[in-house]
Structure formats: structure tokens, C-alpha cells
N, C-alpha and C. Protein backbone atom coordinates (compact mmCIF):
# COMPACT_ATOMS: atom_id res chain seq x y z
N UNK A 1 44.11 -145.11 53.00
CA UNK A 1 44.63 -143.80 52.58
C UNK A 1 43.99 -143.43 51.25
N UNK A 2 43.48 -142.21 51.20
CA UNK A 2 42.82 -141.74 50.00
C UNK A 2 43.36 -140.34 49.70
N UNK A 3 44.13 -140.22 48.64
CA UNK A 3 44.79 -138.97 48.27
C UNK A 3 44.23 -138.50 46.94
N UNK A 4 43.45 -137.40 46.96
CA UNK A 4 42.79 -136.89 45.75
C UNK A 4 41.90 -137.94 45.10
N UNK A 5 41.26 -138.76 45.90
CA UNK A 5 40.37 -139.78 45.36
C UNK A 5 41.11 -140.98 44.76
N UNK A 6 42.41 -141.09 45.07
CA UNK A 6 43.23 -142.18 44.53
C UNK A 6 43.61 -143.09 45.69
N UNK A 7 43.32 -144.37 45.56
CA UNK A 7 43.67 -145.33 46.59
C UNK A 7 45.11 -145.78 46.46
N UNK A 8 45.53 -146.66 47.35
CA UNK A 8 46.92 -147.15 47.36
C UNK A 8 47.26 -147.92 46.09
N UNK A 9 46.40 -148.83 45.59
CA UNK A 9 46.78 -149.53 44.35
C UNK A 9 46.98 -148.59 43.16
N UNK A 10 46.10 -147.59 43.03
CA UNK A 10 46.25 -146.65 41.92
C UNK A 10 47.52 -145.81 42.08
N UNK A 11 47.81 -145.43 43.32
CA UNK A 11 49.02 -144.64 43.58
C UNK A 11 50.28 -145.43 43.23
N UNK A 12 50.30 -146.71 43.60
CA UNK A 12 51.46 -147.55 43.25
C UNK A 12 51.61 -147.69 41.75
N UNK A 13 50.51 -147.84 41.04
CA UNK A 13 50.56 -147.94 39.58
C UNK A 13 51.13 -146.66 38.98
N UNK A 14 50.70 -145.52 39.48
CA UNK A 14 51.22 -144.24 38.99
C UNK A 14 52.72 -144.13 39.26
N UNK A 15 53.16 -144.55 40.45
CA UNK A 15 54.59 -144.50 40.78
C UNK A 15 55.41 -145.40 39.87
N UNK A 16 54.91 -146.59 39.57
CA UNK A 16 55.62 -147.52 38.67
C UNK A 16 55.72 -146.91 37.28
N UNK A 17 54.63 -146.33 36.79
CA UNK A 17 54.66 -145.70 35.45
C UNK A 17 55.63 -144.53 35.45
N UNK A 18 55.63 -143.72 36.53
CA UNK A 18 56.56 -142.59 36.62
C UNK A 18 58.00 -143.08 36.64
N UNK A 19 58.26 -144.18 37.34
CA UNK A 19 59.60 -144.75 37.40
C UNK A 19 60.05 -145.18 36.01
N UNK A 20 59.14 -145.78 35.26
CA UNK A 20 59.48 -146.23 33.90
C UNK A 20 59.71 -145.03 32.98
N UNK A 21 58.84 -144.02 33.06
CA UNK A 21 58.92 -142.88 32.15
C UNK A 21 60.11 -141.98 32.49
N UNK A 22 60.29 -141.64 33.76
CA UNK A 22 61.33 -140.67 34.13
C UNK A 22 62.65 -141.31 34.56
N UNK A 23 62.62 -142.54 34.96
CA UNK A 23 63.85 -143.21 35.38
C UNK A 23 64.13 -142.96 36.85
N UNK A 24 64.97 -143.80 37.44
CA UNK A 24 65.24 -143.68 38.88
C UNK A 24 66.04 -142.44 39.26
N UNK A 25 66.76 -141.84 38.31
CA UNK A 25 67.57 -140.67 38.64
C UNK A 25 66.70 -139.43 38.87
N UNK A 26 65.69 -139.24 38.06
CA UNK A 26 64.87 -138.03 38.15
C UNK A 26 63.66 -138.19 39.06
N UNK A 27 63.32 -139.40 39.47
CA UNK A 27 62.12 -139.64 40.28
C UNK A 27 62.16 -138.90 41.62
N UNK A 28 63.27 -138.90 42.38
CA UNK A 28 63.28 -138.13 43.64
C UNK A 28 63.08 -136.62 43.42
N UNK A 29 63.67 -136.11 42.37
CA UNK A 29 63.51 -134.69 42.05
C UNK A 29 62.05 -134.37 41.74
N UNK A 30 61.42 -135.22 40.96
CA UNK A 30 60.01 -135.02 40.62
C UNK A 30 59.14 -135.14 41.86
N UNK A 31 59.46 -136.10 42.73
CA UNK A 31 58.71 -136.27 43.99
C UNK A 31 58.79 -135.03 44.87
N UNK A 32 60.01 -134.47 44.97
CA UNK A 32 60.17 -133.24 45.74
C UNK A 32 59.36 -132.09 45.13
N UNK A 33 59.40 -131.98 43.81
CA UNK A 33 58.64 -130.92 43.14
C UNK A 33 57.14 -131.07 43.38
N UNK A 34 56.66 -132.30 43.29
CA UNK A 34 55.22 -132.54 43.53
C UNK A 34 54.89 -132.25 44.99
N UNK A 35 55.74 -132.69 45.90
CA UNK A 35 55.51 -132.42 47.33
C UNK A 35 55.48 -130.93 47.63
N UNK A 36 56.42 -130.20 47.02
CA UNK A 36 56.45 -128.74 47.23
C UNK A 36 55.20 -128.10 46.66
N UNK A 37 54.76 -128.55 45.48
CA UNK A 37 53.55 -127.99 44.87
C UNK A 37 52.33 -128.25 45.75
N UNK A 38 52.22 -129.47 46.30
CA UNK A 38 51.10 -129.80 47.18
C UNK A 38 51.14 -128.94 48.44
N UNK A 39 52.33 -128.78 49.03
CA UNK A 39 52.48 -127.96 50.23
C UNK A 39 52.09 -126.50 49.95
N UNK A 40 52.57 -125.96 48.83
CA UNK A 40 52.23 -124.59 48.47
C UNK A 40 50.72 -124.44 48.24
N UNK A 41 50.13 -125.43 47.60
CA UNK A 41 48.69 -125.39 47.36
C UNK A 41 47.92 -125.38 48.69
N UNK A 42 48.35 -126.20 49.63
CA UNK A 42 47.68 -126.25 50.94
C UNK A 42 47.84 -124.92 51.67
N UNK A 43 49.03 -124.32 51.61
CA UNK A 43 49.24 -123.03 52.27
C UNK A 43 48.37 -121.95 51.64
N UNK A 44 48.30 -121.95 50.31
CA UNK A 44 47.47 -120.95 49.65
C UNK A 44 46.00 -121.15 49.99
N UNK A 45 45.56 -122.40 50.00
CA UNK A 45 44.14 -122.64 50.31
C UNK A 45 43.84 -122.29 51.76
N UNK A 46 44.79 -122.54 52.68
CA UNK A 46 44.58 -122.16 54.08
C UNK A 46 44.53 -120.64 54.20
N UNK A 47 45.39 -119.94 53.49
CA UNK A 47 45.37 -118.47 53.49
C UNK A 47 44.08 -117.94 52.91
N UNK A 48 43.64 -118.53 51.83
CA UNK A 48 42.38 -118.11 51.20
C UNK A 48 41.22 -118.35 52.16
N UNK A 49 41.22 -119.50 52.84
CA UNK A 49 40.15 -119.82 53.77
C UNK A 49 40.12 -118.81 54.92
N UNK A 50 41.27 -118.48 55.48
CA UNK A 50 41.29 -117.52 56.59
C UNK A 50 40.86 -116.14 56.13
N UNK A 51 41.28 -115.72 54.94
CA UNK A 51 40.85 -114.43 54.41
C UNK A 51 39.35 -114.42 54.18
N UNK A 52 38.83 -115.51 53.65
CA UNK A 52 37.40 -115.62 53.38
C UNK A 52 36.61 -115.53 54.69
N UNK A 53 37.08 -116.21 55.73
CA UNK A 53 36.40 -116.18 57.02
C UNK A 53 36.45 -114.77 57.62
N UNK A 54 37.58 -114.10 57.48
CA UNK A 54 37.72 -112.73 57.99
C UNK A 54 36.77 -111.78 57.25
N UNK A 55 36.72 -111.92 55.93
CA UNK A 55 35.82 -111.09 55.13
C UNK A 55 34.37 -111.36 55.49
N UNK A 56 34.04 -112.62 55.68
CA UNK A 56 32.68 -112.99 56.06
C UNK A 56 32.31 -112.37 57.41
N UNK A 57 33.24 -112.40 58.35
CA UNK A 57 33.00 -111.81 59.67
C UNK A 57 32.78 -110.30 59.54
N UNK A 58 33.60 -109.63 58.74
CA UNK A 58 33.46 -108.20 58.53
C UNK A 58 32.11 -107.86 57.91
N UNK A 59 31.68 -108.68 56.94
CA UNK A 59 30.38 -108.45 56.30
C UNK A 59 29.24 -108.64 57.29
N UNK A 60 29.35 -109.65 58.15
CA UNK A 60 28.32 -109.87 59.17
C UNK A 60 28.25 -108.70 60.14
N UNK A 61 29.42 -108.17 60.53
CA UNK A 61 29.44 -107.01 61.42
C UNK A 61 28.82 -105.79 60.74
N UNK A 62 29.13 -105.58 59.46
CA UNK A 62 28.56 -104.46 58.73
C UNK A 62 27.05 -104.61 58.62
N UNK A 63 26.58 -105.82 58.33
CA UNK A 63 25.14 -106.07 58.24
C UNK A 63 24.46 -105.80 59.58
N UNK A 64 25.11 -106.19 60.66
CA UNK A 64 24.56 -105.94 61.99
C UNK A 64 24.46 -104.44 62.26
N UNK A 65 25.49 -103.69 61.89
CA UNK A 65 25.47 -102.24 62.07
C UNK A 65 24.36 -101.61 61.24
N UNK A 66 24.17 -102.08 60.02
CA UNK A 66 23.10 -101.55 59.16
C UNK A 66 21.74 -101.86 59.78
N UNK A 67 21.56 -103.08 60.29
CA UNK A 67 20.29 -103.44 60.92
C UNK A 67 20.03 -102.56 62.13
N UNK A 68 21.07 -102.30 62.94
CA UNK A 68 20.91 -101.44 64.10
C UNK A 68 20.52 -100.03 63.65
N UNK A 69 21.15 -99.53 62.61
CA UNK A 69 20.81 -98.21 62.08
C UNK A 69 19.37 -98.15 61.60
N UNK A 70 18.92 -99.21 60.94
CA UNK A 70 17.53 -99.27 60.47
C UNK A 70 16.57 -99.24 61.66
N UNK A 71 16.90 -100.00 62.71
CA UNK A 71 16.03 -100.00 63.90
C UNK A 71 15.98 -98.61 64.53
N UNK A 72 17.11 -97.91 64.58
CA UNK A 72 17.14 -96.56 65.14
C UNK A 72 16.30 -95.61 64.30
N UNK A 73 16.40 -95.71 62.98
CA UNK A 73 15.62 -94.84 62.10
C UNK A 73 14.13 -95.15 62.26
N UNK A 74 13.78 -96.43 62.33
CA UNK A 74 12.38 -96.80 62.53
C UNK A 74 11.85 -96.23 63.84
N UNK A 75 12.67 -96.26 64.88
CA UNK A 75 12.28 -95.71 66.18
C UNK A 75 12.06 -94.21 66.07
N UNK A 76 12.96 -93.52 65.40
CA UNK A 76 12.81 -92.08 65.22
C UNK A 76 11.58 -91.75 64.40
N UNK A 77 11.30 -92.55 63.37
CA UNK A 77 10.10 -92.34 62.56
C UNK A 77 8.86 -92.50 63.42
N UNK A 78 8.86 -93.52 64.28
CA UNK A 78 7.72 -93.72 65.19
C UNK A 78 7.53 -92.52 66.11
N UNK A 79 8.64 -91.98 66.64
CA UNK A 79 8.54 -90.81 67.50
C UNK A 79 8.00 -89.61 66.72
N UNK A 80 8.48 -89.44 65.49
CA UNK A 80 8.00 -88.33 64.66
C UNK A 80 6.52 -88.49 64.34
N UNK A 81 6.08 -89.71 64.07
CA UNK A 81 4.66 -89.95 63.81
C UNK A 81 3.83 -89.56 65.03
N UNK A 82 4.34 -89.91 66.23
CA UNK A 82 3.64 -89.52 67.46
C UNK A 82 3.58 -88.02 67.61
N UNK A 83 4.70 -87.34 67.31
CA UNK A 83 4.71 -85.87 67.40
C UNK A 83 3.74 -85.25 66.39
N UNK A 84 3.67 -85.82 65.20
CA UNK A 84 2.76 -85.31 64.17
C UNK A 84 1.31 -85.50 64.61
N UNK A 85 1.01 -86.67 65.19
CA UNK A 85 -0.35 -86.91 65.67
C UNK A 85 -0.71 -85.93 66.78
N UNK A 86 0.23 -85.65 67.68
CA UNK A 86 -0.03 -84.67 68.74
C UNK A 86 -0.26 -83.29 68.13
N UNK A 87 0.57 -82.94 67.16
CA UNK A 87 0.44 -81.62 66.54
C UNK A 87 -0.87 -81.51 65.77
N UNK A 88 -1.36 -82.59 65.19
CA UNK A 88 -2.59 -82.55 64.43
C UNK A 88 -3.80 -82.33 65.33
N UNK A 89 -3.68 -82.67 66.60
CA UNK A 89 -4.79 -82.48 67.54
C UNK A 89 -4.92 -81.04 68.00
N UNK A 90 -3.86 -80.24 67.85
CA UNK A 90 -3.90 -78.83 68.22
C UNK A 90 -4.64 -78.09 67.11
N UNK A 91 -5.65 -77.34 67.50
CA UNK A 91 -6.51 -76.72 66.49
C UNK A 91 -6.10 -75.30 66.13
N UNK A 92 -5.48 -74.56 67.05
CA UNK A 92 -5.19 -73.16 66.80
C UNK A 92 -3.75 -72.84 67.12
N UNK A 93 -3.25 -71.81 66.43
CA UNK A 93 -1.95 -71.29 66.80
C UNK A 93 -2.07 -70.68 68.19
N UNK A 94 -1.07 -70.75 68.98
CA UNK A 94 -1.14 -70.11 70.30
C UNK A 94 -1.34 -68.59 70.17
N UNK A 95 -2.40 -68.09 70.77
CA UNK A 95 -2.67 -66.65 70.78
C UNK A 95 -3.22 -66.10 69.48
N UNK A 96 -3.57 -66.93 68.52
CA UNK A 96 -4.09 -66.44 67.25
C UNK A 96 -5.40 -67.17 66.93
N UNK A 97 -6.12 -66.57 65.98
CA UNK A 97 -7.38 -67.17 65.59
C UNK A 97 -7.25 -67.97 64.30
N UNK A 98 -6.06 -68.34 63.91
CA UNK A 98 -5.86 -69.11 62.67
C UNK A 98 -5.69 -70.58 63.01
N UNK A 99 -6.21 -71.48 62.18
CA UNK A 99 -5.96 -72.90 62.42
C UNK A 99 -4.54 -73.27 61.98
N UNK A 100 -4.07 -74.39 62.45
CA UNK A 100 -2.77 -74.90 62.01
C UNK A 100 -2.82 -75.16 60.52
N UNK A 101 -1.70 -75.04 59.84
CA UNK A 101 -1.68 -75.32 58.39
C UNK A 101 -2.19 -76.74 58.12
N UNK A 102 -3.05 -76.85 57.12
CA UNK A 102 -3.56 -78.16 56.73
C UNK A 102 -4.73 -78.64 57.57
N UNK A 103 -5.13 -77.87 58.55
CA UNK A 103 -6.24 -78.25 59.41
C UNK A 103 -7.43 -77.33 59.12
N UNK A 104 -8.59 -77.93 59.08
CA UNK A 104 -9.79 -77.13 58.92
C UNK A 104 -10.08 -76.41 60.24
N UNK A 105 -10.68 -75.29 60.15
CA UNK A 105 -11.02 -74.55 61.35
C UNK A 105 -12.11 -75.34 62.08
N UNK A 106 -11.83 -75.70 63.30
CA UNK A 106 -12.79 -76.50 64.06
C UNK A 106 -13.14 -75.80 65.35
N UNK A 107 -13.26 -74.52 65.27
CA UNK A 107 -13.53 -73.72 66.45
C UNK A 107 -14.85 -74.17 67.07
N UNK A 108 -14.76 -74.38 68.33
CA UNK A 108 -15.95 -74.77 69.06
C UNK A 108 -16.08 -76.27 69.19
N UNK A 109 -15.30 -77.06 68.46
CA UNK A 109 -15.35 -78.52 68.59
C UNK A 109 -14.22 -78.98 69.49
N UNK A 110 -14.44 -80.09 70.17
CA UNK A 110 -13.38 -80.62 71.02
C UNK A 110 -12.87 -81.91 70.47
């Protein structure tokens, strides 16, 4: 048995010293207080652990949603780049003799 890194011989020594210092009348009361404190500590740590796991799960879900959003934006950017490339290949406005904005007049070239 190993309790907080204390073996059985050390635990017995602590109990004997406590018996001498506090006396047999107060020792059960002190034992109950220590037991209650340890129980409360375990409950708090279990609660903290479950909250931490829940928060971690929520953060992972949020990160996944952000990654999905980034992939969607990248896909849309790729589509827009394709549309821009298609538009850059068009040399003239429909029915007009003007080139598209930003394009040199390439009349007669294919």
C-alpha cells in the first residue's frame, strides 16, 4: 500500500506520533476530518478532470469546424482562380471592340 508516497511503516509512525500529540480522545475526530478532506479532494479532482475533458472535446470540435471552413474557403478560392483564368482568356467585350479591363488588345491573335 502506497498512500501519497508513504509506505505502511511511515504511516504507522505518523499515527503513533499523532496519538501522542493529540491523544486518544481527539484521534478519531482528526481521522474523520482527514478522511473527509481526502474524499472532498478526490471529488473535486474528478470534477476538474471531467470538466477538462469536456472542454478539450469542445476545443477539438471547434478546431475541426475551423479546419472544415478553411478547406471550403480554399475550394472556393480555387474555383474563383479558375473563373479568373477563364475570364482572362476572353479578349473582347461581347458585341464591342474594347478589350477586357487589364488586358491588352490582342485583336487578330488566338
